[in-house]
Every structure is written in structure tokens, then in C-alpha cells.
Amino acid sequence: MSTAVARTLPALTAVQALVATGTFALSVLAPQLGLEVQQLGLLGSALFAVGAFSSLMAGRLIRRFGDLQLAALCMAAVMLAMLCLACDAAGIGPSRWALWPAVLFLGLAFGPETPASASVLARVTPLARRPWVFSIRQTGNQIGAMAGSLLLPLLLFRHAALPFALVASLALCVGLWCLRLVGRDGGAVAALSQSGQGEAGAGRSNSAGSGLHELATSAPLRLLTATMLVYMVTQVCLNLFVMSHAVRHWQLPIALAASLVALMQGAGLVGRLLWGWIAQRPGLSTGRLLGALGLSMAASGLPLFLWPATPPAWVLGTLLALVGLSASGWNGVMMAEVARIAGPARAGAVTGAVLLFGYSGLALAPIAFAALGARTGTDVSYAVLLVAAGLLGAVVLWRFRVE
């Protein structure tokens, strides 16, 4: 692993971990905060709507500030969100006043964070190593989610403001870390002017803002965008609602439910590393791997959520681990493939354009999931998502087979 990758990868993994911890805080603490599924769905939709808009702006923001600087700004947004929630929890101001400002700041961090990291890693990582390096970086989501599901409820019992204050402090430290890297590893997309561009970026000027042109003219990028949308909706609805589903539908104690959520996230961490390592094998089709993961989501998730009554503990643990392995394990491979097609000079902008559609879908998905869950039960909502993921996985497998 090159020196530049060794310096930047830990910092960018920490950036994603803090963004994940911040966004995960609302879903993990929902039972203690008294938030119903419908309220949680509305907050989640607003967060992703802001994230969609800010992800589209990532290319311009990278050009304006630099990619490492943008990662630091994302940490500042997380810090502000957590400070709002900490003040609310400490009784400063009306009850729950901080929920919507926190969602706004978290959305502003959530959208540009992945494009900023993709821009940095695409220019410091050799092409053959990108699936592995991007997958390591994507484990930050699982690290943050696991830490959030295990530690935040415990800290909340000690003091209502403590979990939010801790995340705010960590976000400040990681933001300063990113700024320290700028001097050695650069932070401006101009550093890519001597790099080659990828398939979708060939002939395009580095001054272009968003990556929508590449997305419109590249069939592989359009297919990856559709795949990412379905997989991302499935993954995020698992992250947002499985804790509430476990407590309300399976009637599990909060501590046991939190440990099972942490198990699912831990399996996702293993999955991201496993699939990234496998994707490096010569001759392996990344598209077929992504299709197989969609089928795996359906095969493990449908028995879990359609199981009559409450599954035995060993069944819950096994199936949640298998769901996490696939539903939370695909991201690094997907990001590396998007960056490969876009080329280093356009990786941040094109990733932002792809995520625009993913996050736009996520803005509607929590509301739709909560509405369907209120009428038919969250088990049916999960079944619908998992069937869609399985069907799209089959389509992707077939498409890459004939190509």
C-alpha cells in the first residue's frame, strides 16, 4: 500500500464512521427518544433529500475547496448536528427543537462525504487496488453503525447529552486530521490535471461541475445507478428500522435488539472487506458479483422477515448476519467500479451524480416504508424491498453474462 494511501485511508474511513454514527444516532436512539416509525421515516427522508442535493454539488465543492477540505467540512456539519442534539438533550430550548436542524446538518455531511473520499482515493490509489482500498474505506459505515448501536444507548442512560457530545468531539478531531493531510497529499482536484481520465470522463474538461453528462452517456453507469438505488434503499431501511422492528414486532428487549443490530453491522463490515478482496481477482466480473449480492440479500432476508412470530435467537443471529454480509457489503465494490469508469479526475463529480439518484430514492423510501409498514407491518415492507433487490440482482447477473 502506497504511503499516500496509508496516510489518507485511515482519515477517510474515520470520516465515514463519524457520518454514519451521527446519522445512525437517530434510529438507534428512537425508542428511548419516543420517536414513532412514521416520525423516524419523515426525518430519514428529509436527511436523504438534503444529502441528494449536496451530493450533486460535490463536484463543484471539490473544485472550490478541495476534496480533503470538503471531507473536513463534512465533519464540521456532523459536529454542529450533534451539538444541536446535545443542547436539546440537556434541556436547552423547547423539547425536540433540535431534530430538524440536526437532520439538515447531517444531510449536508452525508451527501458530499463519499464523493470527497472517492476523489482523494481515486488519485492516490493504483487502479488494480481500488476495489480493496475503497472497500476498506467503506467499512467506516459499519464501524460507525456498530459503535452507535452498542455505545450510544449506554451513554444515553448516563446522561441524555453525553452520546451527542462525544460524537461532536470526535468529529472535530477527525476534521482537523483531514486538514493536516492537505499539505502533504493535496486537497484540490487540480492535482488531477496530469492524470488520465476514465471511460466516461474521456474528453471531458476537469472544469465541468456535476457528473450528470457522464451518467447520461454511459450505459454501465446507468445500470450501476439503478442497482445502487435498490441496494441502497434496502440497506438504509435495514439501518433505520430494524431496531424498531426488533423491539416492536419481535418484542425483543432493547439491549438484545441493539446487540443483534450490531451483529448485522459487523457482518456488513466483514462483507465489505470480503467482497473487496474477491473483486481484485483477475478476470472476475464486478457486475456479476454485485448481481449475486442482490440474490443473497433476498435469500437470507425473506426467511428472516417472513418467519412466523419471533424467530429463535440463533435464527435471528444467523440470518441477520447473512443479511448484513450482502446488504451492507456491496458499497466498496460499487464505489470502486464507478470511480474506475469515471477516471481519477472525475471520480468525485461522477460519484456525486450517481449518488444524487440513490439519495433521491432514499428521500422517499423511509416515508414509503413507514406508510406501508403502518398498514401491513414492517415485515411486509422488508419483503417488498428484498424481492426488488433479488430481482434486480438477477437482471444484473444476466446482463453481465450476455456481455
Protein backbone atom coordinates (compact mmCIF):
# COMPACT_ATOMS: atom_id res chain seq x y z
CA MET A 1 0.00 0.00 0.00
CA SER A 2 1.49 3.36 -1.03
CA THR A 3 2.46 5.98 1.52
CA ALA A 4 -0.25 8.38 0.31
CA VAL A 5 -2.93 5.70 0.64
CA ALA A 6 -1.64 4.72 4.08
CA ARG A 7 -1.95 8.33 5.22
CA THR A 8 -5.34 9.19 3.72
CA LEU A 9 -7.25 5.92 4.05
CA PRO A 10 -7.49 5.88 7.89
CA ALA A 11 -8.65 9.51 7.96
CA LEU A 12 -11.30 8.98 5.28
CA THR A 13 -12.51 5.80 6.97
CA ALA A 14 -12.89 7.80 10.18
CA VAL A 15 -14.84 10.47 8.28
CA GLN A 16 -17.37 7.91 7.10
CA ALA A 17 -17.53 6.32 10.55
CA LEU A 18 -18.44 9.66 12.15
CA VAL A 19 -21.04 10.47 9.48
CA ALA A 20 -22.55 7.00 9.99
CA THR A 21 -22.55 7.37 13.78
CA GLY A 22 -24.27 10.73 13.52
CA THR A 23 -26.96 9.56 11.11
CA PHE A 24 -27.37 6.28 12.96
CA ALA A 25 -27.89 8.07 16.28
CA LEU A 26 -31.49 8.98 15.45
CA SER A 27 -32.50 5.43 14.52
CA VAL A 28 -30.67 3.72 17.39
CA LEU A 29 -32.00 6.13 20.00
CA ALA A 30 -35.52 6.30 18.53
CA PRO A 31 -37.12 4.01 21.17
CA GLN A 32 -35.57 5.99 24.02
CA LEU A 33 -36.43 9.33 22.41
CA GLY A 34 -40.04 8.22 21.92
CA LEU A 35 -39.95 8.55 18.12
CA GLU A 36 -42.54 6.50 16.25
CA VAL A 37 -41.72 4.73 12.99
CA GLN A 38 -43.60 7.37 10.98
CA GLN A 39 -41.67 10.22 12.64
CA LEU A 40 -38.39 8.43 12.09
CA GLY A 41 -39.29 7.85 8.44
CA LEU A 42 -40.02 11.54 7.89
CA LEU A 43 -36.73 12.58 9.48
CA GLY A 44 -34.84 10.00 7.42
CA SER A 45 -36.46 11.17 4.20
CA ALA A 46 -35.53 14.78 4.92
CA LEU A 47 -31.94 13.78 5.66
CA PHE A 48 -31.59 11.95 2.36
CA ALA A 49 -33.26 14.76 0.41
CA VAL A 50 -30.64 17.19 1.71
CA GLY A 51 -27.98 14.55 1.02
CA ALA A 52 -29.14 14.18 -2.60
CA PHE A 53 -28.84 17.90 -3.27
CA SER A 54 -25.47 18.23 -1.56
CA SER A 55 -24.06 15.15 -3.35
CA LEU A 56 -24.82 16.73 -6.73
CA MET A 57 -22.90 19.80 -5.59
CA ALA A 58 -19.88 17.68 -4.61
CA GLY A 59 -18.04 18.22 -7.90
CA ARG A 60 -18.29 22.00 -7.62
CA LEU A 61 -17.42 21.92 -3.92
CA ILE A 62 -14.32 19.82 -4.60
CA ARG A 63 -13.28 22.27 -7.30
CA ARG A 64 -13.94 25.21 -4.98
CA PHE A 65 -12.42 23.96 -1.72
CA GLY A 66 -10.56 20.71 -2.47
CA ASP A 67 -11.51 17.12 -1.66
CA LEU A 68 -9.77 16.75 1.72
CA GLN A 69 -11.07 20.17 2.75
CA LEU A 70 -14.59 19.07 1.79
CA ALA A 71 -14.20 15.99 4.00
CA ALA A 72 -13.26 18.33 6.87
CA LEU A 73 -16.36 20.45 6.18
CA CYS A 74 -18.48 17.30 6.41
CA MET A 75 -17.03 16.74 9.88
CA ALA A 76 -17.93 20.31 10.83
CA ALA A 77 -21.52 19.63 9.78
CA VAL A 78 -21.67 16.46 11.90
CA MET A 79 -20.28 18.40 14.86
CA LEU A 80 -22.95 21.09 14.52
CA ALA A 81 -25.71 18.46 14.25
CA MET A 82 -24.55 16.70 17.39
CA LEU A 83 -24.18 19.97 19.31
CA CYS A 84 -27.80 20.81 18.46
CA LEU A 85 -28.96 17.43 19.77
CA ALA A 86 -26.77 17.73 22.86
CA CYS A 87 -28.28 21.11 23.72
CA ASP A 88 -31.78 19.72 23.21
CA ALA A 89 -31.00 16.70 25.39
CA ALA A 90 -29.61 18.98 28.10
CA GLY A 91 -32.91 20.84 28.24
CA ILE A 92 -31.75 23.97 26.43
CA GLY A 93 -34.74 25.25 24.46
CA PRO A 94 -38.12 23.64 23.67
CA SER A 95 -38.43 19.86 23.59
CA ARG A 96 -37.16 18.25 20.35
CA TRP A 97 -36.35 21.59 18.72
CA ALA A 98 -33.01 20.23 17.51
CA LEU A 99 -34.28 17.32 15.41
CA TRP A 100 -34.77 19.26 12.18
CA PRO A 101 -31.59 21.39 12.38
CA ALA A 102 -29.65 18.21 13.14
CA VAL A 103 -31.18 16.46 10.11
CA LEU A 104 -30.20 19.43 7.91
CA PHE A 105 -26.57 19.37 9.07
CA LEU A 106 -26.36 15.58 8.83
CA GLY A 107 -27.70 15.71 5.27
CA LEU A 108 -25.08 18.30 4.35
CA ALA A 109 -22.41 15.91 5.67
CA PHE A 110 -23.96 12.74 4.28
CA GLY A 111 -24.15 13.87 0.64
CA PRO A 112 -20.61 15.09 -0.21
CA GLU A 113 -18.68 12.74 2.10
CA THR A 114 -18.45 9.78 -0.29
CA PRO A 115 -17.65 11.86 -3.42
CA ALA A 116 -14.93 13.72 -1.50
CA SER A 117 -13.36 10.46 -0.33
CA ALA A 118 -13.69 8.92 -3.81
CA SER A 119 -11.86 11.91 -5.28
CA VAL A 120 -8.97 11.54 -2.81
CA LEU A 121 -8.62 7.77 -3.11
CA ALA A 122 -9.01 7.67 -6.91
CA ARG A 123 -5.96 9.90 -7.31
CA VAL A 124 -3.71 8.18 -4.76
CA THR A 125 -4.65 4.50 -5.33
CA PRO A 126 -3.44 2.28 -8.21
CA LEU A 127 -6.30 1.04 -10.38
CA ALA A 128 -5.86 -2.65 -9.50
CA ARG A 129 -6.05 -1.89 -5.77
CA ARG A 130 -9.10 0.34 -5.82
CA PRO A 131 -11.79 -2.28 -5.03
CA TRP A 132 -9.84 -3.34 -1.94
CA VAL A 133 -8.97 0.21 -0.80
CA PHE A 134 -12.49 1.54 -1.43
CA SER A 135 -13.94 -1.43 0.45
CA ILE A 136 -11.71 -0.74 3.44
CA ARG A 137 -12.85 2.88 3.39
CA GLN A 138 -16.49 1.81 3.21
CA THR A 139 -16.09 -0.20 6.43
CA GLY A 140 -16.33 3.17 8.17
CA ASN A 141 -20.10 2.91 7.78
CA GLN A 142 -20.17 -0.36 9.71
CA ILE A 143 -17.66 0.85 12.30
CA GLY A 144 -19.81 3.90 12.96
CA ALA A 145 -23.06 1.93 12.97
CA MET A 146 -21.69 -0.73 15.33
CA ALA A 147 -20.27 1.87 17.69
CA GLY A 148 -23.55 3.75 17.57
CA SER A 149 -25.77 0.74 18.22
CA LEU A 150 -23.64 -0.52 21.13
CA LEU A 151 -22.36 2.64 22.82
CA LEU A 152 -24.95 5.37 22.24
CA PRO A 153 -27.81 3.70 24.20
CA LEU A 154 -25.44 3.03 27.12
CA LEU A 155 -24.17 6.61 27.14
CA LEU A 156 -27.74 7.93 26.97
CA PHE A 157 -28.51 6.17 30.26
CA ARG A 158 -25.62 8.06 31.92
CA HIS A 159 -26.63 11.49 30.62
CA ALA A 160 -29.02 12.46 27.84
CA ALA A 161 -26.49 14.78 26.17
CA LEU A 162 -23.41 12.54 26.54
CA PRO A 163 -23.68 10.48 23.29
CA PHE A 164 -24.14 13.59 21.16
CA ALA A 165 -21.32 15.50 22.87
CA LEU A 166 -18.94 12.57 22.34
CA VAL A 167 -19.71 12.31 18.61
CA ALA A 168 -19.30 16.09 18.24
CA SER A 169 -15.85 15.94 19.87
CA LEU A 170 -14.73 13.08 17.65
CA ALA A 171 -15.98 14.88 14.52
CA LEU A 172 -13.88 17.92 15.45
CA CYS A 173 -10.77 15.77 15.85
CA VAL A 174 -11.26 13.95 12.52
CA GLY A 175 -11.93 17.22 10.69
CA LEU A 176 -8.64 18.64 11.95
CA TRP A 177 -6.93 15.40 10.90
CA CYS A 178 -8.17 15.86 7.31
CA LEU A 179 -6.92 19.44 7.23
CA ARG A 180 -3.46 18.33 8.37
CA LEU A 181 -3.28 15.95 5.40
CA VAL A 182 -3.84 18.72 2.86
CA GLY A 183 -0.23 19.92 2.98
CA ARG A 184 1.24 16.50 2.11
CA ASP A 185 -1.43 14.86 -0.02
CA GLY A 186 -3.10 17.83 -1.70
CA GLY A 187 -6.72 18.74 -1.49
CA ALA A 188 -7.63 20.23 -4.83
CA VAL A 189 -9.00 18.47 -7.86
CA ALA A 190 -6.45 20.45 -9.86
CA ALA A 191 -3.92 17.88 -8.66
CA LEU A 192 -5.52 15.51 -11.15
CA SER A 193 -4.72 17.56 -14.22
CA GLN A 194 -1.91 15.20 -15.18
CA SER A 195 -3.96 12.06 -14.55
CA GLY A 196 -5.74 10.11 -17.24
CA GLN A 197 -9.49 10.12 -17.38
CA GLY A 198 -11.68 7.06 -17.43
CA GLU A 199 -14.17 5.73 -19.92
CA ALA A 200 -16.95 8.13 -19.07
CA GLY A 201 -14.66 11.09 -18.46
CA ALA A 202 -12.63 10.89 -21.68
CA GLY A 203 -12.63 14.18 -23.49
CA ARG A 204 -14.40 15.98 -20.67
CA SER A 205 -12.92 19.07 -19.07
CA ASN A 206 -11.96 18.95 -15.42
CA SER A 207 -13.83 22.20 -15.00
CA ALA A 208 -17.18 20.50 -15.51
CA GLY A 209 -19.23 20.73 -12.35
CA SER A 210 -21.54 17.77 -11.87
CA GLY A 211 -21.14 14.32 -13.41
CA LEU A 212 -24.60 14.19 -14.98
CA HIS A 213 -23.21 14.27 -18.54
CA GLU A 214 -21.14 11.14 -17.96
CA LEU A 215 -24.12 9.45 -16.36
CA ALA A 216 -26.38 10.28 -19.31
CA THR A 217 -23.93 8.97 -21.91
CA SER A 218 -22.66 5.82 -20.18
CA ALA A 219 -24.84 2.68 -20.15
CA PRO A 220 -22.67 0.97 -17.49
CA LEU A 221 -23.06 3.98 -15.20
CA ARG A 222 -26.83 3.99 -15.69
CA LEU A 223 -27.00 0.31 -14.79
CA LEU A 224 -24.84 0.86 -11.73
CA THR A 225 -27.05 3.78 -10.71
CA ALA A 226 -30.21 1.66 -10.84
CA THR A 227 -28.50 -1.15 -8.95
CA MET A 228 -27.18 1.23 -6.31
CA LEU A 229 -30.62 2.77 -5.83
CA VAL A 230 -32.33 -0.52 -4.98
CA TYR A 231 -29.48 -1.85 -2.87
CA MET A 232 -29.09 1.44 -1.03
CA VAL A 233 -32.80 1.68 -0.21
CA THR A 234 -32.71 -1.86 1.17
CA GLN A 235 -29.60 -1.19 3.22
CA VAL A 236 -30.77 2.11 4.69
CA CYS A 237 -34.23 0.82 5.59
CA LEU A 238 -32.50 -2.00 7.43
CA ASN A 239 -30.34 0.53 9.26
CA LEU A 240 -33.23 2.87 10.05
CA PHE A 241 -36.00 0.49 11.04
CA VAL A 242 -34.62 -2.90 12.08
CA MET A 243 -34.08 -1.70 15.67
CA SER A 244 -37.71 -0.57 15.93
CA HIS A 245 -38.86 -3.76 14.16
CA ALA A 246 -36.95 -5.93 16.63
CA VAL A 247 -38.39 -4.11 19.66
CA ARG A 248 -41.98 -3.72 18.44
CA HIS A 249 -42.54 -6.71 16.13
CA TRP A 250 -40.26 -9.35 17.62
CA GLN A 251 -40.81 -8.00 21.16
CA LEU A 252 -37.10 -8.13 21.99
CA PRO A 253 -35.53 -6.21 24.89
CA ILE A 254 -33.69 -3.07 23.77
CA ALA A 255 -30.29 -4.43 24.82
CA LEU A 256 -30.77 -7.68 22.85
CA ALA A 257 -32.13 -5.82 19.83
CA ALA A 258 -29.14 -3.45 19.88
CA SER A 259 -26.71 -6.38 20.03
CA LEU A 260 -28.39 -8.02 17.02
CA VAL A 261 -28.21 -4.77 15.07
CA ALA A 262 -24.51 -4.57 15.95
CA LEU A 263 -24.09 -8.16 14.72
CA MET A 264 -25.71 -7.25 11.40
CA GLN A 265 -23.42 -4.24 11.05
CA GLY A 266 -20.38 -6.32 12.00
CA ALA A 267 -21.26 -8.81 9.28
CA GLY A 268 -21.53 -5.90 6.86
CA LEU A 269 -18.02 -4.82 7.82
CA VAL A 270 -16.72 -8.33 7.11
CA GLY A 271 -18.68 -8.35 3.85
CA ARG A 272 -17.17 -5.11 2.61
CA LEU A 273 -13.66 -6.44 3.17
CA LEU A 274 -14.51 -9.88 1.76
CA TRP A 275 -16.16 -8.63 -1.44
CA GLY A 276 -13.44 -6.01 -1.97
CA TRP A 277 -10.77 -8.69 -1.67
CA ILE A 278 -12.64 -11.02 -4.03
CA ALA A 279 -13.18 -8.20 -6.56
CA GLN A 280 -9.40 -7.92 -7.02
CA ARG A 281 -9.17 -11.40 -8.53
CA PRO A 282 -8.12 -11.27 -12.21
CA GLY A 283 -10.94 -11.95 -14.63
CA LEU A 284 -13.71 -11.54 -12.05
CA SER A 285 -16.74 -9.55 -13.26
CA THR A 286 -17.61 -6.89 -10.71
CA GLY A 287 -21.09 -6.66 -12.21
CA ARG A 288 -21.78 -10.36 -11.70
CA LEU A 289 -20.52 -10.07 -8.12
CA LEU A 290 -22.93 -7.19 -7.48
CA GLY A 291 -25.77 -9.20 -9.02
CA ALA A 292 -25.01 -12.21 -6.82
CA LEU A 293 -25.14 -9.98 -3.75
CA GLY A 294 -28.68 -8.90 -4.66
CA LEU A 295 -29.79 -12.52 -4.81
CA SER A 296 -28.07 -13.15 -1.48
CA MET A 297 -29.99 -10.30 0.15
CA ALA A 298 -33.29 -11.84 -0.90
CA ALA A 299 -32.30 -15.41 0.00
CA SER A 300 -31.32 -14.50 3.57
CA GLY A 301 -33.70 -11.62 4.28
CA LEU A 302 -37.03 -13.05 3.12
CA PRO A 303 -37.00 -16.03 5.54
CA LEU A 304 -35.98 -13.67 8.36
CA PHE A 305 -38.76 -11.13 8.00
CA LEU A 306 -41.49 -13.57 6.89
CA TRP A 307 -40.78 -16.01 9.73
CA PRO A 308 -43.99 -16.65 11.71
CA ALA A 309 -43.91 -14.91 15.11
CA THR A 310 -40.44 -14.33 16.60
CA PRO A 311 -37.61 -16.48 15.21
CA PRO A 312 -35.40 -18.35 17.69
CA ALA A 313 -32.35 -16.40 18.84
CA TRP A 314 -29.92 -18.49 16.77
CA VAL A 315 -32.03 -17.98 13.64
CA LEU A 316 -32.18 -14.23 14.25
CA GLY A 317 -28.43 -14.04 14.69
CA THR A 318 -27.62 -16.22 11.68
CA LEU A 319 -29.99 -14.58 9.22
CA LEU A 320 -29.22 -11.03 10.35
CA ALA A 321 -25.53 -11.77 9.88
CA LEU A 322 -26.16 -13.12 6.37
CA VAL A 323 -28.32 -10.11 5.51
CA GLY A 324 -25.62 -7.76 6.75
CA LEU A 325 -22.94 -9.62 4.79
CA SER A 326 -24.68 -8.85 1.50
CA ALA A 327 -26.96 -5.85 2.09
CA SER A 328 -24.19 -3.82 3.75
CA GLY A 329 -21.22 -5.36 1.95
CA TRP A 330 -21.61 -4.18 -1.66
CA ASN A 331 -20.74 -0.48 -1.28
CA GLY A 332 -16.96 -0.50 -1.66
CA VAL A 333 -17.03 -2.60 -4.82
CA MET A 334 -19.72 -0.35 -6.28
CA MET A 335 -17.83 2.87 -5.49
CA ALA A 336 -14.60 1.48 -6.95
CA GLU A 337 -16.36 0.50 -10.19
CA VAL A 338 -17.97 3.94 -10.54
CA ALA A 339 -14.59 5.60 -9.93
CA ARG A 340 -12.93 3.30 -12.49
CA ILE A 341 -15.41 4.20 -15.21
CA ALA A 342 -15.26 7.92 -14.34
CA GLY A 343 -11.47 8.20 -14.11
CA PRO A 344 -9.49 9.90 -11.31
CA ALA A 345 -10.16 13.46 -12.50
CA ARG A 346 -13.94 12.96 -12.48
CA ALA A 347 -14.39 10.37 -9.75
CA GLY A 348 -15.77 12.82 -7.19
CA ALA A 349 -18.20 14.53 -9.57
CA VAL A 350 -19.49 11.31 -11.18
CA THR A 351 -19.86 9.60 -7.81
CA GLY A 352 -21.87 12.60 -6.66
CA ALA A 353 -24.13 12.37 -9.73
CA VAL A 354 -24.72 8.64 -9.18
CA LEU A 355 -25.47 9.26 -5.52
CA LEU A 356 -27.91 12.03 -6.44
CA PHE A 357 -30.32 9.39 -7.72
CA GLY A 358 -29.55 7.00 -4.89
CA TYR A 359 -30.16 9.62 -2.22
CA SER A 360 -33.25 10.96 -4.01
CA GLY A 361 -34.72 7.49 -3.82
CA LEU A 362 -33.78 7.32 -0.17
CA ALA A 363 -35.59 10.58 0.48
CA LEU A 364 -38.86 8.86 -0.47
CA ALA A 365 -38.05 5.35 0.74
CA PRO A 366 -38.32 5.90 4.53
CA ILE A 367 -41.72 7.58 4.18
CA ALA A 368 -42.96 4.84 1.84
CA PHE A 369 -41.53 2.12 4.08
CA ALA A 370 -43.14 3.63 7.18
CA ALA A 371 -46.50 4.14 5.42
CA LEU A 372 -46.58 0.58 4.09
CA GLY A 373 -45.40 -0.71 7.47
CA ALA A 374 -48.19 1.13 9.26
CA ARG A 375 -50.79 -0.56 7.03
CA THR A 376 -49.35 -4.05 6.58
CA GLY A 377 -46.50 -4.36 9.07
CA THR A 378 -42.79 -3.72 8.67
CA ASP A 379 -42.26 -7.39 7.84
CA VAL A 380 -44.17 -6.88 4.58
CA SER A 381 -42.25 -3.67 3.87
CA TYR A 382 -38.97 -5.54 4.19
CA ALA A 383 -40.25 -8.36 1.99
CA VAL A 384 -41.08 -5.91 -0.81
CA LEU A 385 -37.59 -4.40 -0.69
CA LEU A 386 -35.84 -7.76 -0.60
CA VAL A 387 -37.83 -9.11 -3.55
CA ALA A 388 -36.88 -6.00 -5.54
CA ALA A 389 -33.20 -6.45 -4.64
CA GLY A 390 -33.31 -10.10 -5.67
CA LEU A 391 -35.00 -9.36 -8.99
CA LEU A 392 -32.53 -6.61 -9.85
CA GLY A 393 -29.65 -8.85 -8.83
CA ALA A 394 -30.89 -11.47 -11.29
CA VAL A 395 -31.13 -8.84 -14.05
CA VAL A 396 -27.57 -7.64 -13.38
CA LEU A 397 -26.27 -11.22 -13.42
CA TRP A 398 -27.99 -11.88 -16.75
CA ARG A 399 -26.82 -8.58 -18.28
CA PHE A 400 -23.19 -9.19 -17.43
CA ARG A 401 -23.44 -12.82 -18.53
CA VAL A 402 -24.51 -11.88 -22.04
CA GLU A 403 -21.90 -9.13 -22.24
